[in-house]
Amino acid sequence: MNITWIVLANASRARIFAVDGGPGRPVEVTDLVHPASRQKGSELGQDRAGHAERHGADSGQGGASFDPRTDPRQKEHVQFAHELAATLHDGVTGRRCKALLLVASDPFLGELKACLSAATRPAVVRSVPKDLTGLALPELHERLAALMAEAAA
């Protein structure tokens, strides 16, 4: 088995293509979509720090501890990165692929790499900070061929 998975991803979509090292075109393995990553933060719910009030005799100098604010969209991006990393882990450990070529939008690439398991990390042969998820098939096949040629060199 000499199959390489080419992973094209951004924070809301991931397409995985398989290449067997021969002259054939890449075959799409799966297309994952995470619609919550595209929603506005206000549509995802409130994530404001709480408010504490003190009443009564012990209302003196007190304090409240607040967690740092986390953007709801960022939480969704990380959740999708974990979901994609689990899919890649299953592919590598299930021996459906031997190598991974990660091509993802710049901020999401870092999130994805941080979520990869110890078993998956060694399979990554190259990572490229580009978003190619929206390309049409003819141009996409050209770009994938070029990426595979660069990875082989």
Foldseek 3Di string as FASTA:
>chain_A
DAKEWEWFEELFKIWIWIDRPDPDFTHTDDIGGQVVLVDALVVQDDQDWDDDADDDDPRPDDDDDTDDGDRSSVVSSLVVLLVVLVVQVCCCVVVVHQAYEAEYAVVSQVSNQVNHDPSRVVRYQYYHHDHPPPDDVVVVRVVVVVVVVVSVD
